[in-house]
Amino acid sequence: MIKINIGRDLAGTIKKFVIKGHAGYAEEGSDIVCSAVSAIAYTAVGAIEGLIGLKGFFKEKNGFMSCKLDMELSPEKSHDANVIMATAEIGFKQIEYAYPDYVKVLDEEV
């Protein structure tokens, strides 16, 4: 199962997501659930890099990815980052809804 932790600050702003595990829906290389979660995560990372200009805010290795926005941002960049992170959260929850045995999205305070 893939577990996705969404971390929010006290104001409710998403500051991170951490993805752990493998879906186990199908064999490696043909697992559509894993591919869907990966596509959402990499799109969020690409948007933050390309649109906001941040670097070095994510880590990845087999079965693990973390995206943490714990740096100070201008109000405009903070807004844009929050929209991107909230969009990723919606995508993750849609995958969880469609494949509840393979994906779990959890909220936590950071």
PDB file of N, CA and C in Angstrom:
ATOM      1  N   MET A   1       0.836  -1.183   0.000  1.00  0.00           N
ATOM      2  CA  MET A   1       0.000   0.000   0.000  1.00  0.00           C
ATOM      3  C   MET A   1       0.880   1.245   0.000  1.00  0.00           C
ATOM      4  N   ILE A   2       0.439   2.246  -0.723  1.00  0.00           N
ATOM      5  CA  ILE A   2       1.099   3.547  -0.721  1.00  0.00           C
ATOM      6  C   ILE A   2       0.451   4.398   0.367  1.00  0.00           C
ATOM      7  N   LYS A   3       1.274   4.968   1.239  1.00  0.00           N
ATOM      8  CA  LYS A   3       0.781   5.898   2.255  1.00  0.00           C
ATOM      9  C   LYS A   3       1.329   7.277   1.933  1.00  0.00           C
ATOM     10  N   ILE A   4       0.425   8.252   1.902  1.00  0.00           N
ATOM     11  CA  ILE A   4       0.792   9.630   1.597  1.00  0.00           C
ATOM     12  C   ILE A   4       0.425  10.489   2.799  1.00  0.00           C
ATOM     13  N   ASN A   5       1.430  11.067   3.444  1.00  0.00           N
ATOM     14  CA  ASN A   5       1.193  11.980   4.561  1.00  0.00           C
ATOM     15  C   ASN A   5       1.232  13.400   4.034  1.00  0.00           C
ATOM     16  N   ILE A   6       0.159  14.135   4.284  1.00  0.00           N
ATOM     17  CA  ILE A   6       0.061  15.545   3.919  1.00  0.00           C
ATOM     18  C   ILE A   6       0.271  16.348   5.199  1.00  0.00           C
ATOM     19  N   GLY A   7       1.305  17.180   5.238  1.00  0.00           N
ATOM     20  CA  GLY A   7       1.610  17.975   6.426  1.00  0.00           C
ATOM     21  C   GLY A   7       1.177  19.419   6.255  1.00  0.00           C
ATOM     22  N   ARG A   8       0.443  19.914   7.245  1.00  0.00           N
ATOM     23  CA  ARG A   8      -0.068  21.295   7.229  1.00  0.00           C
ATOM     24  C   ARG A   8       0.446  22.055   8.443  1.00  0.00           C
ATOM     25  N   ASP A   9       0.596  23.368   8.264  1.00  0.00           N
ATOM     26  CA  ASP A   9       0.921  24.203   9.415  1.00  0.00           C
ATOM     27  C   ASP A   9      -0.376  24.553  10.147  1.00  0.00           C
ATOM     28  N   LEU A  10      -0.270  25.339  11.200  1.00  0.00           N
ATOM     29  CA  LEU A  10      -1.453  25.672  12.003  1.00  0.00           C
ATOM     30  C   LEU A  10      -2.508  26.447  11.221  1.00  0.00           C
ATOM     31  N   ALA A  11      -2.093  27.157  10.178  1.00  0.00           N
ATOM     32  CA  ALA A  11      -3.039  27.910   9.344  1.00  0.00           C
ATOM     33  C   ALA A  11      -3.718  27.022   8.301  1.00  0.00           C
ATOM     34  N   GLY A  12      -3.294  25.756   8.213  1.00  0.00           N
ATOM     35  CA  GLY A  12      -3.894  24.845   7.243  1.00  0.00           C
ATOM     36  C   GLY A  12      -3.179  24.797   5.905  1.00  0.00           C
ATOM     37  N   THR A  13      -2.070  25.523   5.788  1.00  0.00           N
ATOM     38  CA  THR A  13      -1.303  25.539   4.548  1.00  0.00           C
ATOM     39  C   THR A  13      -0.497  24.252   4.433  1.00  0.00           C
ATOM     40  N   ILE A  14      -0.560  23.609   3.281  1.00  0.00           N
ATOM     41  CA  ILE A  14       0.192  22.374   3.068  1.00  0.00           C
ATOM     42  C   ILE A  14       1.670  22.716   2.926  1.00  0.00           C
ATOM     43  N   LYS A  15       2.480  22.121   3.784  1.00  0.00           N
ATOM     44  CA  LYS A  15       3.921  22.374   3.796  1.00  0.00           C
ATOM     45  C   LYS A  15       4.731  21.189   3.288  1.00  0.00           C
ATOM     46  N   LYS A  16       4.105  20.004   3.222  1.00  0.00           N
ATOM     47  CA  LYS A  16       4.846  18.845   2.738  1.00  0.00           C
ATOM     48  C   LYS A  16       3.902  17.721   2.346  1.00  0.00           C
ATOM     49  N   PHE A  17       4.414  16.837   1.514  1.00  0.00           N
ATOM     50  CA  PHE A  17       3.827  15.523   1.359  1.00  0.00           C
ATOM     51  C   PHE A  17       4.954  14.510   1.351  1.00  0.00           C
ATOM     52  N   VAL A  18       4.685  13.365   1.971  1.00  0.00           N
ATOM     53  CA  VAL A  18       5.644  12.269   2.033  1.00  0.00           C
ATOM     54  C   VAL A  18       4.929  11.025   1.538  1.00  0.00           C
ATOM     55  N   ILE A  19       5.519  10.368   0.559  1.00  0.00           N
ATOM     56  CA  ILE A  19       4.933   9.174  -0.052  1.00  0.00           C
ATOM     57  C   ILE A  19       5.837   7.996   0.270  1.00  0.00           C
ATOM     58  N   LYS A  20       5.236   6.923   0.814  1.00  0.00           N
ATOM     59  CA  LYS A  20       5.998   5.721   1.164  1.00  0.00           C
ATOM     60  C   LYS A  20       5.265   4.487   0.664  1.00  0.00           C
ATOM     61  N   GLY A  21       6.035   3.530   0.210  1.00  0.00           N
ATOM     62  CA  GLY A  21       5.487   2.226  -0.124  1.00  0.00           C
ATOM     63  C   GLY A  21       5.216   2.026  -1.596  1.00  0.00           C
ATOM     64  N   HIS A  22       4.699   0.847  -1.871  1.00  0.00           N
ATOM     65  CA  HIS A  22       4.329   0.452  -3.226  1.00  0.00           C
ATOM     66  C   HIS A  22       2.867   0.020  -3.207  1.00  0.00           C
ATOM     67  N   ALA A  23       2.150   0.290  -4.268  1.00  0.00           N
ATOM     68  CA  ALA A  23       0.721  -0.016  -4.313  1.00  0.00           C
ATOM     69  C   ALA A  23       0.463  -1.519  -4.269  1.00  0.00           C
ATOM     70  N   GLY A  24       1.202  -2.278  -5.047  1.00  0.00           N
ATOM     71  CA  GLY A  24       0.946  -3.711  -5.118  1.00  0.00           C
ATOM     72  C   GLY A  24      -0.273  -4.061  -5.941  1.00  0.00           C
ATOM     73  N   TYR A  25      -0.730  -3.131  -6.746  1.00  0.00           N
ATOM     74  CA  TYR A  25      -1.900  -3.364  -7.597  1.00  0.00           C
ATOM     75  C   TYR A  25      -1.560  -4.306  -8.748  1.00  0.00           C
ATOM     76  N   ALA A  26      -0.358  -4.166  -9.290  1.00  0.00           N
ATOM     77  CA  ALA A  26       0.104  -4.999 -10.402  1.00  0.00           C
ATOM     78  C   ALA A  26       1.620  -5.109 -10.308  1.00  0.00           C
ATOM     79  N   GLU A  27       2.200  -5.860 -11.226  1.00  0.00           N
ATOM     80  CA  GLU A  27       3.649  -6.022 -11.250  1.00  0.00           C
ATOM     81  C   GLU A  27       4.336  -4.681 -11.486  1.00  0.00           C
ATOM     82  N   GLU A  28       5.569  -4.588 -10.972  1.00  0.00           N
ATOM     83  CA  GLU A  28       6.361  -3.383 -11.188  1.00  0.00           C
ATOM     84  C   GLU A  28       6.491  -3.123 -12.686  1.00  0.00           C
ATOM     85  N   GLY A  29       6.276  -1.879 -13.060  1.00  0.00           N
ATOM     86  CA  GLY A  29       6.331  -1.510 -14.473  1.00  0.00           C
ATOM     87  C   GLY A  29       4.970  -1.461 -15.133  1.00  0.00           C
ATOM     88  N   SER A  30       3.963  -2.084 -14.505  1.00  0.00           N
ATOM     89  CA  SER A  30       2.612  -2.015 -15.067  1.00  0.00           C
ATOM     90  C   SER A  30       1.562  -1.703 -14.005  1.00  0.00           C
ATOM     91  N   ASP A  31       1.996  -1.119 -12.905  1.00  0.00           N
ATOM     92  CA  ASP A  31       1.092  -0.773 -11.808  1.00  0.00           C
ATOM     93  C   ASP A  31       0.535   0.633 -12.038  1.00  0.00           C
ATOM     94  N   ILE A  32      -0.726   0.697 -12.463  1.00  0.00           N
ATOM     95  CA  ILE A  32      -1.333   1.994 -12.796  1.00  0.00           C
ATOM     96  C   ILE A  32      -1.552   2.865 -11.565  1.00  0.00           C
ATOM     97  N   VAL A  33      -1.749   2.252 -10.410  1.00  0.00           N
ATOM     98  CA  VAL A  33      -1.950   3.029  -9.187  1.00  0.00           C
ATOM     99  C   VAL A  33      -0.643   3.736  -8.809  1.00  0.00           C
ATOM    100  N   CYS A  34       0.443   3.004  -8.831  1.00  0.00           N
ATOM    101  CA  CYS A  34       1.752   3.602  -8.548  1.00  0.00           C
ATOM    102  C   CYS A  34       2.072   4.688  -9.572  1.00  0.00           C
ATOM    103  N   SER A  35       1.785   4.410 -10.822  1.00  0.00           N
ATOM    104  CA  SER A  35       2.046   5.394 -11.881  1.00  0.00           C
ATOM    105  C   SER A  35       1.239   6.665 -11.672  1.00  0.00           C
ATOM    106  N   ALA A  36      -0.013   6.520 -11.263  1.00  0.00           N
ATOM    107  CA  ALA A  36      -0.871   7.691 -11.049  1.00  0.00           C
ATOM    108  C   ALA A  36      -0.346   8.556  -9.907  1.00  0.00           C
ATOM    109  N   VAL A  37       0.003   7.925  -8.793  1.00  0.00           N
ATOM    110  CA  VAL A  37       0.539   8.675  -7.652  1.00  0.00           C
ATOM    111  C   VAL A  37       1.854   9.350  -8.037  1.00  0.00           C
ATOM    112  N   SER A  38       2.715   8.620  -8.731  1.00  0.00           N
ATOM    113  CA  SER A  38       3.999   9.190  -9.167  1.00  0.00           C
ATOM    114  C   SER A  38       3.800  10.374 -10.100  1.00  0.00           C
ATOM    115  N   ALA A  39       2.866  10.250 -11.026  1.00  0.00           N
ATOM    116  CA  ALA A  39       2.619  11.339 -11.979  1.00  0.00           C
ATOM    117  C   ALA A  39       2.163  12.605 -11.262  1.00  0.00           C
ATOM    118  N   ILE A  40       1.285  12.455 -10.283  1.00  0.00           N
ATOM    119  CA  ILE A  40       0.820  13.620  -9.522  1.00  0.00           C
ATOM    120  C   ILE A  40       1.982  14.245  -8.751  1.00  0.00           C
ATOM    121  N   ALA A  41       2.766  13.414  -8.076  1.00  0.00           N
ATOM    122  CA  ALA A  41       3.885  13.921  -7.275  1.00  0.00           C
ATOM    123  C   ALA A  41       4.918  14.627  -8.144  1.00  0.00           C
ATOM    124  N   TYR A  42       5.306  13.999  -9.245  1.00  0.00           N
ATOM    125  CA  TYR A  42       6.319  14.612 -10.113  1.00  0.00           C
ATOM    126  C   TYR A  42       5.799  15.867 -10.804  1.00  0.00           C
ATOM    127  N   THR A  43       4.514  15.919 -11.090  1.00  0.00           N
ATOM    128  CA  THR A  43       3.941  17.134 -11.668  1.00  0.00           C
ATOM    129  C   THR A  43       4.001  18.277 -10.660  1.00  0.00           C
ATOM    130  N   ALA A  44       3.676  17.990  -9.401  1.00  0.00           N
ATOM    131  CA  ALA A  44       3.756  19.023  -8.357  1.00  0.00           C
ATOM    132  C   ALA A  44       5.192  19.516  -8.204  1.00  0.00           C
ATOM    133  N   VAL A  45       6.139  18.594  -8.144  1.00  0.00           N
ATOM    134  CA  VAL A  45       7.551  18.973  -8.013  1.00  0.00           C
ATOM    135  C   VAL A  45       7.993  19.801  -9.215  1.00  0.00           C
ATOM    136  N   GLY A  46       7.628  19.362 -10.418  1.00  0.00           N
ATOM    137  CA  GLY A  46       7.995  20.098 -11.628  1.00  0.00           C
ATOM    138  C   GLY A  46       7.396  21.488 -11.666  1.00  0.00           C
ATOM    139  N   ALA A  47       6.153  21.614 -11.209  1.00  0.00           N
ATOM    140  CA  ALA A  47       5.502  22.927 -11.187  1.00  0.00           C
ATOM    141  C   ALA A  47       6.177  23.853 -10.178  1.00  0.00           C
ATOM    142  N   ILE A  48       6.529  23.319  -9.022  1.00  0.00           N
ATOM    143  CA  ILE A  48       7.200  24.142  -8.012  1.00  0.00           C
ATOM    144  C   ILE A  48       8.572  24.584  -8.514  1.00  0.00           C
ATOM    145  N   GLU A  49       9.288  23.686  -9.162  1.00  0.00           N
ATOM    146  CA  GLU A  49      10.595  24.056  -9.727  1.00  0.00           C
ATOM    147  C   GLU A  49      10.442  25.054 -10.870  1.00  0.00           C
ATOM    148  N   GLY A  50       9.540  24.750 -11.803  1.00  0.00           N
ATOM    149  CA  GLY A  50       9.421  25.554 -13.012  1.00  0.00           C
ATOM    150  C   GLY A  50       8.707  26.874 -12.844  1.00  0.00           C
ATOM    151  N   LEU A  51       7.666  26.904 -12.028  1.00  0.00           N
ATOM    152  CA  LEU A  51       6.867  28.118 -11.881  1.00  0.00           C
ATOM    153  C   LEU A  51       7.321  29.003 -10.726  1.00  0.00           C
ATOM    154  N   ILE A  52       7.841  28.375  -9.679  1.00  0.00           N
ATOM    155  CA  ILE A  52       8.235  29.138  -8.497  1.00  0.00           C
ATOM    156  C   ILE A  52       9.752  29.311  -8.429  1.00  0.00           C
ATOM    157  N   GLY A  53      10.478  28.403  -9.053  1.00  0.00           N
ATOM    158  CA  GLY A  53      11.929  28.520  -9.103  1.00  0.00           C
ATOM    159  C   GLY A  53      12.670  27.915  -7.923  1.00  0.00           C
ATOM    160  N   LEU A  54      12.012  27.041  -7.159  1.00  0.00           N
ATOM    161  CA  LEU A  54      12.668  26.416  -6.013  1.00  0.00           C
ATOM    162  C   LEU A  54      13.460  25.189  -6.453  1.00  0.00           C
ATOM    163  N   LYS A  55      14.511  24.895  -5.725  1.00  0.00           N
ATOM    164  CA  LYS A  55      15.338  23.710  -5.957  1.00  0.00           C
ATOM    165  C   LYS A  55      15.659  23.062  -4.616  1.00  0.00           C
ATOM    166  N   GLY A  56      15.949  21.777  -4.650  1.00  0.00           N
ATOM    167  CA  GLY A  56      16.422  21.080  -3.463  1.00  0.00           C
ATOM    168  C   GLY A  56      15.401  20.861  -2.373  1.00  0.00           C
ATOM    169  N   PHE A  57      14.140  20.868  -2.686  1.00  0.00           N
ATOM    170  CA  PHE A  57      13.087  20.724  -1.685  1.00  0.00           C
ATOM    171  C   PHE A  57      12.471  19.329  -1.662  1.00  0.00           C
ATOM    172  N   PHE A  58      12.964  18.420  -2.518  1.00  0.00           N
ATOM    173  CA  PHE A  58      12.404  17.079  -2.506  1.00  0.00           C
ATOM    174  C   PHE A  58      13.509  16.034  -2.544  1.00  0.00           C
ATOM    175  N   LYS A  59      13.155  14.856  -2.012  1.00  0.00           N
ATOM    176  CA  LYS A  59      14.050  13.702  -2.003  1.00  0.00           C
ATOM    177  C   LYS A  59      13.267  12.517  -2.536  1.00  0.00           C
ATOM    178  N   GLU A  60      14.004  11.592  -3.151  1.00  0.00           N
ATOM    179  CA  GLU A  60      13.342  10.387  -3.620  1.00  0.00           C
ATOM    180  C   GLU A  60      14.306   9.222  -3.662  1.00  0.00           C
ATOM    181  N   LYS A  61      13.759   8.049  -3.446  1.00  0.00           N
ATOM    182  CA  LYS A  61      14.444   6.791  -3.684  1.00  0.00           C
ATOM    183  C   LYS A  61      13.353   5.739  -3.803  1.00  0.00           C
ATOM    184  N   ASN A  62      13.715   4.543  -4.088  1.00  0.00           N
ATOM    185  CA  ASN A  62      12.744   3.488  -4.356  1.00  0.00           C
ATOM    186  C   ASN A  62      11.682   3.389  -3.252  1.00  0.00           C
ATOM    187  N   GLY A  63      10.441   3.670  -3.619  1.00  0.00           N
ATOM    188  CA  GLY A  63       9.340   3.563  -2.674  1.00  0.00           C
ATOM    189  C   GLY A  63       9.195   4.718  -1.706  1.00  0.00           C
ATOM    190  N   PHE A  64       9.905   5.821  -1.945  1.00  0.00           N
ATOM    191  CA  PHE A  64       9.847   6.951  -1.027  1.00  0.00           C
ATOM    192  C   PHE A  64      10.034   8.253  -1.800  1.00  0.00           C
ATOM    193  N   MET A  65       9.228   9.260  -1.441  1.00  0.00           N
ATOM    194  CA  MET A  65       9.426  10.607  -1.967  1.00  0.00           C
ATOM    195  C   MET A  65       8.933  11.590  -0.921  1.00  0.00           C
ATOM    196  N   SER A  66       9.705  12.650  -0.699  1.00  0.00           N
ATOM    197  CA  SER A  66       9.234  13.715   0.182  1.00  0.00           C
ATOM    198  C   SER A  66       9.419  15.051  -0.512  1.00  0.00           C
ATOM    199  N   CYS A  67       8.438  15.901  -0.323  1.00  0.00           N
ATOM    200  CA  CYS A  67       8.435  17.253  -0.878  1.00  0.00           C
ATOM    201  C   CYS A  67       8.117  18.177   0.291  1.00  0.00           C
ATOM    202  N   LYS A  68       9.111  18.966   0.721  1.00  0.00           N
ATOM    203  CA  LYS A  68       8.946  19.814   1.900  1.00  0.00           C
ATOM    204  C   LYS A  68       9.219  21.264   1.543  1.00  0.00           C
ATOM    205  N   LEU A  69       8.254  22.104   1.825  1.00  0.00           N
ATOM    206  CA  LEU A  69       8.375  23.541   1.579  1.00  0.00           C
ATOM    207  C   LEU A  69       8.478  24.256   2.921  1.00  0.00           C
ATOM    208  N   ASP A  70       9.625  24.114   3.567  1.00  0.00           N
ATOM    209  CA  ASP A  70       9.808  24.693   4.893  1.00  0.00           C
ATOM    210  C   ASP A  70      10.642  25.972   4.870  1.00  0.00           C
ATOM    211  N   MET A  71      10.877  26.501   3.674  1.00  0.00           N
ATOM    212  CA  MET A  71      11.650  27.739   3.551  1.00  0.00           C
ATOM    213  C   MET A  71      10.718  28.945   3.493  1.00  0.00           C
ATOM    214  N   GLU A  72      11.274  30.116   3.753  1.00  0.00           N
ATOM    215  CA  GLU A  72      10.495  31.353   3.652  1.00  0.00           C
ATOM    216  C   GLU A  72      10.278  31.693   2.181  1.00  0.00           C
ATOM    217  N   LEU A  73       9.042  32.026   1.842  1.00  0.00           N
ATOM    218  CA  LEU A  73       8.689  32.410   0.475  1.00  0.00           C
ATOM    219  C   LEU A  73       7.976  33.749   0.496  1.00  0.00           C
ATOM    220  N   SER A  74       8.061  34.470  -0.603  1.00  0.00           N
ATOM    221  CA  SER A  74       7.292  35.708  -0.728  1.00  0.00           C
ATOM    222  C   SER A  74       5.812  35.348  -0.691  1.00  0.00           C
ATOM    223  N   PRO A  75       4.939  36.305  -0.366  1.00  0.00           N
ATOM    224  CA  PRO A  75       3.507  36.003  -0.350  1.00  0.00           C
ATOM    225  C   PRO A  75       3.009  35.425  -1.681  1.00  0.00           C
ATOM    226  N   GLU A  76       3.493  35.955  -2.791  1.00  0.00           N
ATOM    227  CA  GLU A  76       3.054  35.462  -4.101  1.00  0.00           C
ATOM    228  C   GLU A  76       3.516  34.022  -4.335  1.00  0.00           C
ATOM    229  N   LYS A  77       4.783  33.745  -4.044  1.00  0.00           N
ATOM    230  CA  LYS A  77       5.299  32.387  -4.236  1.00  0.00           C
ATOM    231  C   LYS A  77       4.653  31.409  -3.265  1.00  0.00           C
ATOM    232  N   SER A  78       4.383  31.867  -2.049  1.00  0.00           N
ATOM    233  CA  SER A  78       3.709  31.028  -1.063  1.00  0.00           C
ATOM    234  C   SER A  78       2.311  30.653  -1.547  1.00  0.00           C
ATOM    235  N   HIS A  79       1.595  31.617  -2.085  1.00  0.00           N
ATOM    236  CA  HIS A  79       0.265  31.357  -2.633  1.00  0.00           C
ATOM    237  C   HIS A  79       0.334  30.335  -3.763  1.00  0.00           C
ATOM    238  N   ASP A  80       1.260  30.554  -4.694  1.00  0.00           N
ATOM    239  CA  ASP A  80       1.393  29.643  -5.831  1.00  0.00           C
ATOM    240  C   ASP A  80       1.758  28.230  -5.371  1.00  0.00           C
ATOM    241  N   ALA A  81       2.683  28.131  -4.411  1.00  0.00           N
ATOM    242  CA  ALA A  81       3.075  26.821  -3.888  1.00  0.00           C
ATOM    243  C   ALA A  81       1.896  26.134  -3.222  1.00  0.00           C
ATOM    244  N   ASN A  82       1.085  26.896  -2.488  1.00  0.00           N
ATOM    245  CA  ASN A  82      -0.074  26.306  -1.822  1.00  0.00           C
ATOM    246  C   ASN A  82      -1.092  25.786  -2.831  1.00  0.00           C
ATOM    247  N   VAL A  83      -1.299  26.517  -3.908  1.00  0.00           N
ATOM    248  CA  VAL A  83      -2.222  26.053  -4.956  1.00  0.00           C
ATOM    249  C   VAL A  83      -1.711  24.745  -5.561  1.00  0.00           C
ATOM    250  N   ILE A  84      -0.418  24.677  -5.832  1.00  0.00           N
ATOM    251  CA  ILE A  84       0.162  23.458  -6.408  1.00  0.00           C
ATOM    252  C   ILE A  84       0.032  22.288  -5.434  1.00  0.00           C
ATOM    253  N   MET A  85       0.377  22.507  -4.171  1.00  0.00           N
ATOM    254  CA  MET A  85       0.299  21.430  -3.175  1.00  0.00           C
ATOM    255  C   MET A  85      -1.147  20.990  -2.943  1.00  0.00           C
ATOM    256  N   ALA A  86      -2.078  21.933  -2.920  1.00  0.00           N
ATOM    257  CA  ALA A  86      -3.491  21.585  -2.740  1.00  0.00           C
ATOM    258  C   ALA A  86      -4.011  20.800  -3.940  1.00  0.00           C
ATOM    259  N   THR A  87      -3.554  21.147  -5.125  1.00  0.00           N
ATOM    260  CA  THR A  87      -3.945  20.415  -6.326  1.00  0.00           C
ATOM    261  C   THR A  87      -3.421  18.986  -6.265  1.00  0.00           C
ATOM    262  N   ALA A  88      -2.174  18.815  -5.831  1.00  0.00           N
ATOM    263  CA  ALA A  88      -1.611  17.469  -5.674  1.00  0.00           C
ATOM    264  C   ALA A  88      -2.420  16.675  -4.653  1.00  0.00           C
ATOM    265  N   GLU A  89      -2.783  17.314  -3.545  1.00  0.00           N
ATOM    266  CA  GLU A  89      -3.582  16.627  -2.522  1.00  0.00           C
ATOM    267  C   GLU A  89      -4.904  16.132  -3.103  1.00  0.00           C
ATOM    268  N   ILE A  90      -5.568  16.956  -3.880  1.00  0.00           N
ATOM    269  CA  ILE A  90      -6.830  16.543  -4.508  1.00  0.00           C
ATOM    270  C   ILE A  90      -6.597  15.329  -5.395  1.00  0.00           C
ATOM    271  N   GLY A  91      -5.528  15.366  -6.189  1.00  0.00           N
ATOM    272  CA  GLY A  91      -5.205  14.228  -7.048  1.00  0.00           C
ATOM    273  C   GLY A  91      -4.952  12.962  -6.248  1.00  0.00           C
ATOM    274  N   PHE A  92      -4.159  13.072  -5.172  1.00  0.00           N
ATOM    275  CA  PHE A  92      -3.888  11.906  -4.327  1.00  0.00           C
ATOM    276  C   PHE A  92      -5.185  11.342  -3.743  1.00  0.00           C
ATOM    277  N   LYS A  93      -6.076  12.225  -3.286  1.00  0.00           N
ATOM    278  CA  LYS A  93      -7.336  11.768  -2.690  1.00  0.00           C
ATOM    279  C   LYS A  93      -8.263  11.135  -3.729  1.00  0.00           C
ATOM    280  N   GLN A  94      -8.201  11.602  -4.964  1.00  0.00           N
ATOM    281  CA  GLN A  94      -8.990  10.968  -6.019  1.00  0.00           C
ATOM    282  C   GLN A  94      -8.492   9.552  -6.288  1.00  0.00           C
ATOM    283  N   ILE A  95      -7.181   9.359  -6.280  1.00  0.00           N
ATOM    284  CA  ILE A  95      -6.626   8.014  -6.456  1.00  0.00           C
ATOM    285  C   ILE A  95      -7.005   7.141  -5.258  1.00  0.00           C
ATOM    286  N   GLU A  96      -6.932   7.697  -4.058  1.00  0.00           N
ATOM    287  CA  GLU A  96      -7.335   6.956  -2.851  1.00  0.00           C
ATOM    288  C   GLU A  96      -8.801   6.531  -2.942  1.00  0.00           C
ATOM    289  N   TYR A  97      -9.658   7.423  -3.404  1.00  0.00           N
ATOM    290  CA  TYR A  97     -11.085   7.115  -3.528  1.00  0.00           C
ATOM    291  C   TYR A  97     -11.315   5.970  -4.518  1.00  0.00           C
ATOM    292  N   ALA A  98     -10.587   5.997  -5.626  1.00  0.00           N
ATOM    293  CA  ALA A  98     -10.766   4.974  -6.662  1.00  0.00           C
ATOM    294  C   ALA A  98     -10.115   3.638  -6.287  1.00  0.00           C
ATOM    295  N   TYR A  99      -9.043   3.688  -5.492  1.00  0.00           N
ATOM    296  CA  TYR A  99      -8.282   2.479  -5.146  1.00  0.00           C
ATOM    297  C   TYR A  99      -7.988   2.445  -3.646  1.00  0.00           C
ATOM    298  N   PRO A 100      -9.029   2.363  -2.802  1.00  0.00           N
ATOM    299  CA  PRO A 100      -8.827   2.470  -1.355  1.00  0.00           C
ATOM    300  C   PRO A 100      -8.000   1.340  -0.737  1.00  0.00           C
ATOM    301  N   ASP A 101      -7.884   0.219  -1.407  1.00  0.00           N
ATOM    302  CA  ASP A 101      -7.070  -0.877  -0.886  1.00  0.00           C
ATOM    303  C   ASP A 101      -5.583  -0.696  -1.180  1.00  0.00           C
ATOM    304  N   TYR A 102      -5.254   0.326  -1.967  1.00  0.00           N
ATOM    305  CA  TYR A 102      -3.876   0.491  -2.434  1.00  0.00           C
ATOM    306  C   TYR A 102      -3.245   1.837  -2.077  1.00  0.00           C
ATOM    307  N   VAL A 103      -4.066   2.827  -1.711  1.00  0.00           N
ATOM    308  CA  VAL A 103      -3.561   4.169  -1.390  1.00  0.00           C
ATOM    309  C   VAL A 103      -4.287   4.694  -0.158  1.00  0.00           C
ATOM    310  N   LYS A 104      -3.533   5.275   0.768  1.00  0.00           N
ATOM    311  CA  LYS A 104      -4.105   5.913   1.952  1.00  0.00           C
ATOM    312  C   LYS A 104      -3.477   7.292   2.094  1.00  0.00           C
ATOM    313  N   VAL A 105      -4.329   8.321   2.178  1.00  0.00           N
ATOM    314  CA  VAL A 105      -3.871   9.695   2.367  1.00  0.00           C
ATOM    315  C   VAL A 105      -4.165  10.089   3.814  1.00  0.00           C
ATOM    316  N   LEU A 106      -3.136  10.549   4.510  1.00  0.00           N
ATOM    317  CA  LEU A 106      -3.250  10.922   5.916  1.00  0.00           C
ATOM    318  C   LEU A 106      -2.864  12.380   6.090  1.00  0.00           C
ATOM    319  N   ASP A 107      -3.527  13.066   7.017  1.00  0.00           N
ATOM    320  CA  ASP A 107      -3.207  14.457   7.335  1.00  0.00           C
ATOM    321  C   ASP A 107      -2.445  14.510   8.648  1.00  0.00           C
ATOM    322  N   GLU A 108      -1.492  15.420   8.720  1.00  0.00           N
ATOM    323  CA  GLU A 108      -0.759  15.637   9.966  1.00  0.00           C
ATOM    324  C   GLU A 108      -0.416  17.112  10.097  1.00  0.00           C
ATOM    325  N   GLU A 109      -0.199  17.532  11.329  1.00  0.00           N
ATOM    326  CA  GLU A 109       0.208  18.912  11.584  1.00  0.00           C
ATOM    327  C   GLU A 109       1.725  18.971  11.649  1.00  0.00           C
ATOM    328  N   VAL A 110       2.308  20.009  11.037  1.00  0.00           N
ATOM    329  CA  VAL A 110       3.776  20.164  11.083  1.00  0.00           C
ATOM    330  C   VAL A 110       4.153  21.418  11.836  1.00  0.00           C
TER     331      VAL A 110
END
